[in-house]
C-alpha atoms as a PDB file:
ATOM      1  CA  MET A   1      -0.153  -0.090  -0.227  1.00  0.00           C
ATOM      2  CA  ALA A   2       2.996   2.405   0.911  1.00  0.00           C
ATOM      3  CA  ASP A   3       4.630   1.922  -2.545  1.00  0.00           C
ATOM      4  CA  ILE A   4       1.319   2.560  -4.243  1.00  0.00           C
ATOM      5  CA  LYS A   5       0.936   5.699  -2.484  1.00  0.00           C
ATOM      6  CA  LYS A   6       4.605   6.644  -3.834  1.00  0.00           C
ATOM      7  CA  LEU A   7       3.388   5.829  -7.275  1.00  0.00           C
ATOM      8  CA  LYS A   8       0.295   7.795  -6.871  1.00  0.00           C
ATOM      9  CA  SER A   9       2.390  10.834  -5.609  1.00  0.00           C
ATOM     10  CA  VAL A  10       4.059  10.906  -8.673  1.00  0.00           C
ATOM     11  CA  GLY A  11       1.169  10.654 -10.942  1.00  0.00           C
ATOM     12  CA  ILE A  12       1.318   6.939 -11.949  1.00  0.00           C
ATOM     13  CA  CYS A  13      -2.239   5.359 -11.315  1.00  0.00           C
ATOM     14  CA  THR A  14      -2.532   2.818 -13.234  1.00  0.00           C
ATOM     15  CA  VAL A  15      -0.992  -0.351 -14.182  1.00  0.00           C
ATOM     16  CA  LYS A  16      -0.378   0.618 -17.700  1.00  0.00           C
ATOM     17  CA  GLY A  17       1.121   4.122 -16.317  1.00  0.00           C
ATOM     18  CA  ILE A  18       3.690   1.678 -14.874  1.00  0.00           C
ATOM     19  CA  GLN A  19       4.586   0.169 -17.981  1.00  0.00           C
ATOM     20  CA  MET A  20       4.810   3.486 -19.648  1.00  0.00           C
ATOM     21  CA  THR A  21       7.321   4.940 -17.484  1.00  0.00           C
ATOM     22  CA  THR A  22      11.219   3.798 -17.438  1.00  0.00           C
ATOM     23  CA  ARG A  23      12.797   1.903 -14.859  1.00  0.00           C
ATOM     24  CA  LYS A  24      15.252   5.046 -14.382  1.00  0.00           C
ATOM     25  CA  ALA A  25      12.281   7.384 -13.623  1.00  0.00           C
ATOM     26  CA  LEU A  26      10.500   4.905 -11.140  1.00  0.00           C
ATOM     27  CA  CYS A  27      14.057   4.549  -9.234  1.00  0.00           C
ATOM     28  CA  ASN A  28      14.172   8.066  -8.902  1.00  0.00           C
ATOM     29  CA  ILE A  29      11.114   7.992  -6.577  1.00  0.00           C
ATOM     30  CA  LYS A  30      12.160   7.943  -3.365  1.00  0.00           C
ATOM     31  CA  GLY A  31      11.609   4.723  -1.294  1.00  0.00           C
ATOM     32  CA  LEU A  32      11.867   2.687  -4.528  1.00  0.00           C
ATOM     33  CA  SER A  33      14.932   0.508  -4.823  1.00  0.00           C
ATOM     34  CA  GLU A  34      16.012  -0.977  -8.283  1.00  0.00           C
ATOM     35  CA  ALA A  35      15.199  -4.526  -6.878  1.00  0.00           C
ATOM     36  CA  LYS A  36      11.542  -3.302  -5.808  1.00  0.00           C
ATOM     37  CA  VAL A  37      11.320  -1.515  -9.331  1.00  0.00           C
ATOM     38  CA  GLU A  38      12.165  -4.727 -11.018  1.00  0.00           C
ATOM     39  CA  LYS A  39       9.264  -6.545  -9.092  1.00  0.00           C
ATOM     40  CA  ILE A  40       6.617  -3.705  -9.756  1.00  0.00           C
ATOM     41  CA  LYS A  41       7.634  -4.036 -13.540  1.00  0.00           C
ATOM     42  CA  GLU A  42       7.431  -7.740 -13.473  1.00  0.00           C
ATOM     43  CA  ALA A  43       3.969  -7.710 -11.857  1.00  0.00           C
ATOM     44  CA  ALA A  44       2.915  -5.195 -14.389  1.00  0.00           C
ATOM     45  CA  GLY A  45       3.928  -7.049 -17.318  1.00  0.00           C
ATOM     46  CA  LYS A  46       2.046 -10.130 -16.011  1.00  0.00           C
ATOM     47  CA  LEU A  47      -1.301  -8.349 -15.809  1.00  0.00           C
ATOM     48  CA  LEU A  48      -0.705  -6.658 -19.306  1.00  0.00           C
ATOM     49  CA  ASN A  49       0.075  -8.044 -22.771  1.00  0.00           C
ATOM     50  CA  VAL A  50       3.432  -5.910 -23.539  1.00  0.00           C
ATOM     51  CA  GLY A  51       5.850  -6.658 -26.130  1.00  0.00           C
ATOM     52  CA  PHE A  52       4.998  -7.506 -29.991  1.00  0.00           C
ATOM     53  CA  GLN A  53       1.393  -6.558 -30.869  1.00  0.00           C
ATOM     54  CA  THR A  54      -0.346  -8.238 -33.972  1.00  0.00           C
ATOM     55  CA  ALA A  55      -2.236  -6.136 -36.440  1.00  0.00           C
ATOM     56  CA  PHE A  56      -5.240  -7.788 -35.238  1.00  0.00           C
ATOM     57  CA  GLU A  57      -4.248  -6.924 -31.229  1.00  0.00           C
ATOM     58  CA  TYR A  58      -3.712  -3.136 -32.519  1.00  0.00           C
ATOM     59  CA  SER A  59      -7.186  -3.208 -34.202  1.00  0.00           C
ATOM     60  CA  ALA A  60      -9.331  -4.441 -31.364  1.00  0.00           C
ATOM     61  CA  ARG A  61      -7.376  -2.214 -29.294  1.00  0.00           C
ATOM     62  CA  ARG A  62      -8.398   0.902 -31.715  1.00  0.00           C
ATOM     63  CA  LYS A  63     -12.240  -0.045 -31.279  1.00  0.00           C
ATOM     64  CA  GLN A  64     -11.678   1.687 -27.896  1.00  0.00           C
ATOM     65  CA  VAL A  65     -11.019   5.094 -29.374  1.00  0.00           C
ATOM     66  CA  PHE A  66     -13.882   7.644 -29.519  1.00  0.00           C
ATOM     67  CA  HIS A  67     -14.586  10.957 -30.873  1.00  0.00           C
ATOM     68  CA  VAL A  68     -15.628  14.248 -29.172  1.00  0.00           C
ATOM     69  CA  THR A  69     -17.804  16.594 -31.226  1.00  0.00           C
ATOM     70  CA  THR A  70     -16.749  20.025 -31.874  1.00  0.00           C
ATOM     71  CA  GLY A  71     -19.990  21.567 -31.899  1.00  0.00           C
ATOM     72  CA  SER A  72     -19.851  21.602 -35.731  1.00  0.00           C
ATOM     73  CA  GLN A  73     -21.253  18.905 -37.918  1.00  0.00           C
ATOM     74  CA  GLU A  74     -19.096  19.509 -40.775  1.00  0.00           C
ATOM     75  CA  PHE A  75     -15.727  20.367 -38.978  1.00  0.00           C
ATOM     76  CA  ASP A  76     -16.622  16.863 -36.914  1.00  0.00           C
ATOM     77  CA  LYS A  77     -16.981  15.404 -40.593  1.00  0.00           C
ATOM     78  CA  LEU A  78     -13.461  16.522 -41.262  1.00  0.00           C
ATOM     79  CA  LEU A  79     -12.044  15.013 -38.281  1.00  0.00           C
ATOM     80  CA  GLY A  80     -13.372  11.658 -38.890  1.00  0.00           C
ATOM     81  CA  GLY A  81     -16.260  12.157 -36.512  1.00  0.00           C
ATOM     82  CA  GLY A  82     -14.667  14.762 -34.158  1.00  0.00           C
ATOM     83  CA  VAL A  83     -11.311  15.059 -32.005  1.00  0.00           C
ATOM     84  CA  GLU A  84      -9.846  11.672 -31.482  1.00  0.00           C
ATOM     85  CA  SER A  85      -9.344   9.957 -28.180  1.00  0.00           C
ATOM     86  CA  MET A  86      -5.573   8.537 -27.596  1.00  0.00           C
ATOM     87  CA  ALA A  87      -4.154  11.098 -29.622  1.00  0.00           C
ATOM     88  CA  ILE A  88      -3.087  14.867 -29.624  1.00  0.00           C
ATOM     89  CA  THR A  89      -4.973  17.006 -32.174  1.00  0.00           C
ATOM     90  CA  GLU A  90      -3.193  20.548 -32.551  1.00  0.00           C
ATOM     91  CA  ALA A  91      -4.887  23.562 -34.125  1.00  0.00           C
ATOM     92  CA  PHE A  92      -2.891  26.563 -35.195  1.00  0.00           C
ATOM     93  CA  GLY A  93      -3.441  29.974 -36.821  1.00  0.00           C
ATOM     94  CA  GLY A  94      -2.608  33.426 -37.095  1.00  0.00           C
ATOM     95  CA  GLU A  95      -5.898  35.723 -35.781  1.00  0.00           C
ATOM     96  CA  ASN A  96      -7.679  32.514 -34.634  1.00  0.00           C
ATOM     97  CA  ARG A  97      -6.462  32.350 -31.050  1.00  0.00           C
ATOM     98  CA  ILE A  98      -9.208  31.059 -28.500  1.00  0.00           C
ATOM     99  CA  ILE A  99      -6.826  30.586 -25.776  1.00  0.00           C
ATOM    100  CA  ASP A 100      -2.808  30.796 -25.078  1.00  0.00           C
ATOM    101  CA  SER A 101      -0.762  28.190 -27.328  1.00  0.00           C
ATOM    102  CA  ILE A 102       1.089  25.418 -25.979  1.00  0.00           C
ATOM    103  CA  MET A 103       4.269  27.182 -27.362  1.00  0.00           C
ATOM    104  CA  ALA A 104       3.600  30.472 -25.192  1.00  0.00           C
ATOM    105  CA  LEU A 105       5.370  29.942 -22.403  1.00  0.00           C
ATOM    106  CA  PHE A 106       8.527  28.177 -24.042  1.00  0.00           C
ATOM    107  CA  ARG A 107       8.842  31.086 -26.061  1.00  0.00           C
ATOM    108  CA  VAL A 108       8.889  33.621 -22.866  1.00  0.00           C
ATOM    109  CA  ASP A 109      11.193  31.181 -20.844  1.00  0.00           C
ATOM    110  CA  PHE A 110      13.587  30.201 -23.321  1.00  0.00           C
ATOM    111  CA  SER A 111      15.543  32.807 -25.674  1.00  0.00           C
ATOM    112  CA  GLY A 112      17.919  32.713 -28.391  1.00  0.00           C
ATOM    113  CA  ARG A 113      19.559  29.863 -30.377  1.00  0.00           C
ATOM    114  CA  GLY A 114      21.686  28.877 -27.416  1.00  0.00           C
ATOM    115  CA  GLU A 115      18.786  27.717 -25.364  1.00  0.00           C
ATOM    116  CA  LEU A 116      17.117  25.766 -28.173  1.00  0.00           C
ATOM    117  CA  ALA A 117      18.272  22.483 -27.185  1.00  0.00           C
ATOM    118  CA  GLU A 118      17.123  22.345 -23.730  1.00  0.00           C
ATOM    119  CA  ARG A 119      13.787  24.236 -24.770  1.00  0.00           C
ATOM    120  CA  GLN A 120      12.896  21.213 -27.422  1.00  0.00           C
ATOM    121  CA  GLN A 121      13.969  18.747 -24.861  1.00  0.00           C
ATOM    122  CA  LYS A 122      11.465  20.282 -22.273  1.00  0.00           C
ATOM    123  CA  LEU A 123       8.851  20.357 -24.862  1.00  0.00           C
ATOM    124  CA  ALA A 124       9.333  16.838 -25.792  1.00  0.00           C
ATOM    125  CA  GLN A 125       9.132  15.801 -22.278  1.00  0.00           C
ATOM    126  CA  MET A 126       5.737  17.525 -21.944  1.00  0.00           C
ATOM    127  CA  LEU A 127       4.317  16.194 -25.085  1.00  0.00           C
ATOM    128  CA  SER A 128       5.562  12.693 -24.061  1.00  0.00           C
ATOM    129  CA  ARG A 129       3.500  13.243 -20.772  1.00  0.00           C
ATOM    130  CA  LEU A 130       0.383  14.181 -23.032  1.00  0.00           C
ATOM    131  CA  GLN A 131       0.501  11.399 -25.227  1.00  0.00           C
ATOM    132  CA  LYS A 132       0.884   8.930 -22.232  1.00  0.00           C
ATOM    133  CA  ILE A 133      -2.009  10.551 -20.351  1.00  0.00           C
ATOM    134  CA  SER A 134      -4.403  10.062 -23.718  1.00  0.00           C
ATOM    135  CA  GLU A 135      -3.472   6.433 -23.860  1.00  0.00           C
ATOM    136  CA  GLU A 136      -3.463   5.421 -20.138  1.00  0.00           C
ATOM    137  CA  TYR A 137      -6.987   6.926 -19.808  1.00  0.00           C
ATOM    138  CA  ASN A 138      -8.375   7.137 -23.248  1.00  0.00           C
ATOM    139  CA  VAL A 139      -8.873  10.810 -23.370  1.00  0.00           C
ATOM    140  CA  ALA A 140      -8.659  13.210 -26.382  1.00  0.00           C
ATOM    141  CA  VAL A 141      -5.705  15.861 -26.046  1.00  0.00           C
ATOM    142  CA  PHE A 142      -6.619  19.031 -28.145  1.00  0.00           C
ATOM    143  CA  ILE A 143      -3.455  21.665 -28.186  1.00  0.00           C
ATOM    144  CA  THR A 144      -3.613  25.140 -29.693  1.00  0.00           C
ATOM    145  CA  ASN A 145      -0.335  26.716 -31.300  1.00  0.00           C
ATOM    146  CA  GLN A 146       0.765  29.631 -32.987  1.00  0.00           C
ATOM    147  CA  MET A 147       2.392  30.286 -36.540  1.00  0.00           C
ATOM    148  CA  THR A 148       5.517  32.115 -37.644  1.00  0.00           C
ATOM    149  CA  ALA A 149       6.681  33.420 -41.267  1.00  0.00           C
ATOM    150  CA  ASP A 150       8.694  31.005 -43.083  1.00  0.00           C
ATOM    151  CA  PRO A 151      11.662  32.891 -44.555  1.00  0.00           C
ATOM    152  CA  GLY A 152      12.710  30.150 -46.921  1.00  0.00           C
ATOM    153  CA  ALA A 153       9.048  29.519 -48.127  1.00  0.00           C
ATOM    154  CA  GLY A 154       9.696  32.224 -50.849  1.00  0.00           C
ATOM    155  CA  MET A 155      11.923  30.037 -52.662  1.00  0.00           C
ATOM    156  CA  THR A 156       8.945  27.251 -52.950  1.00  0.00           C
ATOM    157  CA  PHE A 157       6.540  29.736 -54.188  1.00  0.00           C
ATOM    158  CA  GLN A 158       4.155  28.884 -51.377  1.00  0.00           C
ATOM    159  CA  ALA A 159       0.705  30.978 -51.316  1.00  0.00           C
ATOM    160  CA  ASP A 160       0.969  31.256 -47.735  1.00  0.00           C
ATOM    161  CA  PRO A 161       4.520  31.385 -46.308  1.00  0.00           C
ATOM    162  CA  LYS A 162       3.707  30.645 -42.683  1.00  0.00           C
ATOM    163  CA  LYS A 163       4.186  27.510 -40.454  1.00  0.00           C
ATOM    164  CA  PRO A 164       3.196  26.228 -37.279  1.00  0.00           C
ATOM    165  CA  ILE A 165       6.066  26.844 -34.524  1.00  0.00           C
ATOM    166  CA  GLY A 166       7.740  24.183 -32.317  1.00  0.00           C
ATOM    167  CA  GLY A 167       9.671  22.298 -34.982  1.00  0.00           C
ATOM    168  CA  HIS A 168       9.967  18.442 -35.450  1.00  0.00           C
ATOM    169  CA  ILE A 169       9.339  17.838 -31.819  1.00  0.00           C
ATOM    170  CA  LEU A 170       5.834  19.386 -32.006  1.00  0.00           C
ATOM    171  CA  ALA A 171       5.159  18.028 -35.420  1.00  0.00           C
ATOM    172  CA  HIS A 172       6.012  14.398 -34.662  1.00  0.00           C
ATOM    173  CA  ALA A 173       4.063  14.666 -31.452  1.00  0.00           C
ATOM    174  CA  SER A 174       0.953  15.748 -32.844  1.00  0.00           C
ATOM    175  CA  THR A 175      -1.414  12.934 -34.500  1.00  0.00           C
ATOM    176  CA  THR A 176      -3.641  15.211 -36.424  1.00  0.00           C
ATOM    177  CA  ARG A 177      -2.413  18.942 -37.163  1.00  0.00           C
ATOM    178  CA  ILE A 178      -5.282  21.530 -38.286  1.00  0.00           C
ATOM    179  CA  SER A 179      -4.687  25.036 -39.639  1.00  0.00           C
ATOM    180  CA  LEU A 180      -7.044  27.393 -38.993  1.00  0.00           C
ATOM    181  CA  ARG A 181      -7.840  30.840 -40.923  1.00  0.00           C
ATOM    182  CA  LYS A 182     -10.776  33.543 -41.013  1.00  0.00           C
ATOM    183  CA  GLY A 183     -13.275  33.292 -43.541  1.00  0.00           C
ATOM    184  CA  ARG A 184     -16.247  36.041 -44.419  1.00  0.00           C
ATOM    185  CA  GLY A 185     -17.908  37.788 -41.315  1.00  0.00           C
ATOM    186  CA  GLU A 186     -18.243  34.927 -38.444  1.00  0.00           C
ATOM    187  CA  MET A 187     -17.137  31.953 -40.594  1.00  0.00           C
ATOM    188  CA  ARG A 188     -13.822  29.921 -39.986  1.00  0.00           C
ATOM    189  CA  ILE A 189     -11.935  27.752 -42.253  1.00  0.00           C
ATOM    190  CA  ALA A 190     -10.324  24.410 -40.807  1.00  0.00           C
ATOM    191  CA  LYS A 191      -8.006  22.652 -43.298  1.00  0.00           C
ATOM    192  CA  ILE A 192      -6.363  19.063 -42.383  1.00  0.00           C
ATOM    193  CA  PHE A 193      -2.402  20.108 -42.492  1.00  0.00           C
ATOM    194  CA  ASP A 194      -1.113  16.572 -41.473  1.00  0.00           C
ATOM    195  CA  SER A 195      -2.860  13.413 -40.723  1.00  0.00           C
ATOM    196  CA  PRO A 196      -1.931   9.614 -40.756  1.00  0.00           C
ATOM    197  CA  ASP A 197      -5.390   8.385 -42.108  1.00  0.00           C
ATOM    198  CA  MET A 198      -7.502  11.578 -43.106  1.00  0.00           C
ATOM    199  CA  PRO A 199      -7.165  13.167 -46.498  1.00  0.00           C
ATOM    200  CA  GLU A 200      -6.111  16.924 -47.061  1.00  0.00           C
ATOM    201  CA  ASN A 201      -9.727  18.807 -46.875  1.00  0.00           C
ATOM    202  CA  GLU A 202     -11.357  21.810 -45.614  1.00  0.00           C
ATOM    203  CA  ALA A 203     -14.411  22.550 -43.396  1.00  0.00           C
ATOM    204  CA  THR A 204     -16.174  25.548 -42.445  1.00  0.00           C
ATOM    205  CA  PHE A 205     -17.633  26.516 -39.082  1.00  0.00           C
ATOM    206  CA  ALA A 206     -18.619  29.378 -37.042  1.00  0.00           C
ATOM    207  CA  ILE A 207     -17.708  30.778 -33.555  1.00  0.00           C
ATOM    208  CA  SER A 208     -20.565  32.217 -31.689  1.00  0.00           C
ATOM    209  CA  ALA A 209     -21.278  33.224 -27.843  1.00  0.00           C
ATOM    210  CA  GLY A 210     -22.092  29.500 -27.110  1.00  0.00           C
ATOM    211  CA  GLY A 211     -18.680  28.209 -28.889  1.00  0.00           C
ATOM    212  CA  VAL A 212     -18.083  26.279 -32.397  1.00  0.00           C
ATOM    213  CA  THR A 213     -21.195  25.754 -34.200  1.00  0.00           C
ATOM    214  CA  ASP A 214     -21.802  25.128 -37.848  1.00  0.00           C
ATOM    215  CA  ALA A 215     -21.748  28.228 -40.572  1.00  0.00           C
ATOM    216  CA  LYS A 216     -24.901  29.526 -41.622  1.00  0.00           C
ATOM    217  CA  ASP A 217     -25.120  30.664 -45.575  1.00  0.00           C
END
């Protein structure tokens, strides 16, 4: 019971959480020796099917995935039913911010190229925790991001020389990336920027006093 309390104190509350935490991290918990960590890992391994996973087993696991509605039917359709659980969905845009971006504090706390490596490492650790939470508890993670001008885009003749910030770390961590831009009046346009299983497409929606809704013609 005391060991369970130690694990819970650092945010490990499930057997899957143990499996998703490295031995080194477990050994850093006060009161857990290397021998005890090995016993905990062994016990967790017996309860969960770890190691190689067949396509059939992975398919069965994917059946647990659900979708959270955005509030707009057209936006939901673009996302294959809504914001997916067990995944990180990222939305980025220029003037479309509802809330602060995931990169805002990183841009304030770290300055200059000399601190870039440390910044990206901290960002990777945070994104790893978000991915772990999404898979461990089967929840949908939705993050917002900012954009920056791309100085090299002029060489490739891009129509819109802007890109989301965060570099490859954020790009690889996000399952689905959505770009947002303003349309006429209250209309907004969402576009699939990157996705493992959804085609590049667009959807229109509106932002009202009650939140995201379907756009009215």
